[in-house]
């Protein structure tokens, strides 16, 4: 009887599949799969850059050069 059950692909009894531990484990695996899929999709798309009209942390409003009329 046991070998017939294993050959059918049933490794765990049905009562174990309804335990709290197995439900929590299945939930964690499902969330992990969703997060992994979302991160994979994010890596497929090209990187988005800020538009040029938004000042970055490297741009200054006032030139600090010794040549004040030079390019900004």
Protein backbone atom coordinates (compact mmCIF):
# COMPACT_ATOMS: atom_id res chain seq x y z
CA UNK A 1 0.00 0.00 0.00
CA UNK A 2 2.79 2.41 0.86
CA UNK A 3 4.66 1.88 -2.42
CA UNK A 4 1.46 2.42 -4.40
CA UNK A 5 0.91 5.75 -2.60
CA UNK A 6 4.44 6.94 -3.33
CA UNK A 7 4.14 5.90 -6.97
CA UNK A 8 0.94 7.94 -7.23
CA UNK A 9 2.88 11.03 -6.14
CA UNK A 10 1.27 11.50 -2.73
CA UNK A 11 4.05 11.95 -0.18
CA UNK A 12 2.22 13.75 2.63
CA UNK A 13 -1.06 12.82 4.24
CA UNK A 14 -3.99 15.17 3.63
CA UNK A 15 -4.20 16.05 7.33
CA UNK A 16 -0.69 17.52 7.19
CA UNK A 17 -1.66 19.79 4.30
CA UNK A 18 -4.29 21.46 6.50
CA UNK A 19 -1.99 22.16 9.46
CA UNK A 20 -1.12 25.69 10.48
CA UNK A 21 2.58 25.14 9.74
CA UNK A 22 1.97 24.06 6.16
CA UNK A 23 -0.44 26.95 5.49
CA UNK A 24 2.12 29.47 6.77
CA UNK A 25 4.88 27.79 4.75
CA UNK A 26 2.77 27.89 1.59
CA UNK A 27 1.99 31.59 2.20
CA UNK A 28 5.68 32.48 2.64
CA UNK A 29 6.61 30.58 -0.52
CA UNK A 30 3.83 32.34 -2.47
CA UNK A 31 4.94 35.80 -1.26
CA UNK A 32 8.56 35.00 -2.04
CA UNK A 33 7.55 33.98 -5.57
CA UNK A 34 5.57 37.18 -6.13
CA UNK A 35 8.43 39.37 -4.86
CA UNK A 36 10.97 37.49 -7.01
CA UNK A 37 8.78 37.88 -10.09
CA UNK A 38 8.29 41.61 -9.41
CA UNK A 39 12.03 42.18 -9.02
CA UNK A 40 12.70 40.24 -12.21
CA UNK A 41 10.26 42.45 -14.11
CA UNK A 42 11.89 45.59 -12.70
CA UNK A 43 15.29 44.45 -13.99
CA UNK A 44 13.91 43.90 -17.49
CA UNK A 45 12.94 47.54 -18.02
CA UNK A 46 15.62 50.17 -18.71
CA UNK A 47 16.72 52.51 -15.96
CA UNK A 48 14.71 55.71 -15.69
CA UNK A 49 16.66 58.95 -15.42
CA UNK A 50 15.52 62.27 -13.98
CA UNK A 51 14.62 64.93 -16.51
CA UNK A 52 17.23 67.64 -17.12
CA UNK A 53 14.97 70.40 -15.77
CA UNK A 54 15.19 68.91 -12.26
CA UNK A 55 18.37 70.05 -10.57
CA UNK A 56 20.53 67.26 -9.27
CA UNK A 57 22.71 67.33 -6.19
CA UNK A 58 25.75 68.23 -8.33
CA UNK A 59 24.34 71.35 -9.99
CA UNK A 60 24.63 74.76 -8.34
CA UNK A 61 22.46 77.80 -8.87
CA UNK A 62 25.42 80.18 -8.67
CA UNK A 63 28.74 79.60 -10.35
CA UNK A 64 31.63 79.25 -7.89
CA UNK A 65 34.33 79.50 -10.54
CA UNK A 66 37.15 82.04 -10.55
CA UNK A 67 35.75 83.00 -13.95
CA UNK A 68 32.23 84.18 -13.03
CA UNK A 69 31.16 84.72 -16.66
CA UNK A 70 32.20 81.22 -17.71
CA UNK A 71 29.85 78.36 -18.51
CA UNK A 72 27.66 77.27 -15.65
